[in-house]
Amino acid sequence: MSTIKKIVLTGGPCAGKTTARAYLMQKLGDLGYHVIFVPEAPTLLLENGVKPGPGLLSKESFQQIVLDLALALEAGYGRAAAAMPKSAKPVIICDRGIMDGMAYVEGDGTRFISWLVERDLTRVTARDARYHGIFHLRTAAVGAEAYYTLANNPARFETPEQARSRDQCTQAVWMGHPHLRIIPNTGSFEQKLKHLLAEICVLLGIPEPVETERKFLVRPDFDPNDLTAHALIDIEQFYLFSNALNEELRFRKRSQNGDATYFSTVKRPGPDPASRIETEEFITAEQYEFGKQFMLSGSRFVRKQRYCFVYENQYFELDAVIEPKLKYCLLELELAEPGQDIKLPPFLNIVREVTGEKEWSNFALATRP
């Protein structure tokens, strides 16, 4: 897959995506990036006379047309980015992604998934394998109710209550992506945009690709129902031999319902115990299998079930480690910056924080006797 970063701006109605587009174009441009925006497919259709309604299109037909147009737009804009020289530093930002359509189709998602299958996609390939990061801007109807309006978008029709519901549905369809970030309405709208930019800069590796996370031990007596909307992901990973000093090279397989995506990750020590310098790329299933020949001597596979969920606008990952078997689960939260405030889920029995303790790292799990 191309190394050009491709990310999604999504969220509920009146979340600020239009303003964010201009803001990111300027700010990322100042940092040397050429930003390519993929327009929102349903808005293009609605503004040009293609819409559902009596005597026109059924809602189902309209959503399938949205899906096809979104796929075509992403393909075309992707080719344009790939044709640019690397020195242009192109980055693709999609105004909504493929999975957003699932939030607008009635039912449990089965019909939408069947449409993906008809187009040689699955939930996992449409959600995880197409995009490097998902940035969900919360609707103004959650936390900034006074600013919720229908006036600045002719394609918007939702009441504040409907907007909140749509916001939750949209968030849910992206649950399980390895890099989902929630951008809430805390403080001013300018602060919201700065938060968004900071999260995107982390993904792009500006100035360095630093991963900052907090990690906690959790007793395994939690009830998955307490997590509300969540995704359960199966993870298998192993470490490969690396010639570089203090470098960890990891291959990871993330699976859900029999479909998988594969990643290669390189980690080096960061500026503080909670941070690591990290670069990550998509790889193929064939590369993953081939890499097993170069597995680090004396190491083992690590296998775990990961519960992905949102609490207080924070995207948590709760790992139940199956191999090697652990007494505790591990709760992780990635941060935009080391000093960021966090709110831990009260429904989990948290034993203690283990951020920076090497014995609880993935590498230590793979190499322990």
Foldseek 3Di string as FASTA:
>chain_A
DDPAAEEEEAFFPQLCPVVLVVVCCVVVVVVQAHEAEQEQQVQVCVVVPQDDDVPHDHLVVSLLVSLVVQVVSCVVSVVVVVPDDCSSSYHYYYHDFNLLSQLVDDDDSPVVQVSQVVVVHGLCCRQAVPHLAYEYRYHCLPVNVVPDDPPPGVVDDDDSVVRNSSRVSSVLSNAPHPHYAYQYPDDDVVVSSVQVVLSVCCSVQVVFVKWFKWKFWFAPPFDVVVLPRKAKKKKKKFWFDDPDPQKTWMKMWIDDPHDIWIKIKIWHDDPDLRMIGMDMDTDDPVVSVVRVVGTDPQWAMWIWMWIWGDDPRWTKIWTCTVVVHDRTIMIMTIDSDNVDDDDDDPSTHTDGICRNPVCPDPRVSGRPD
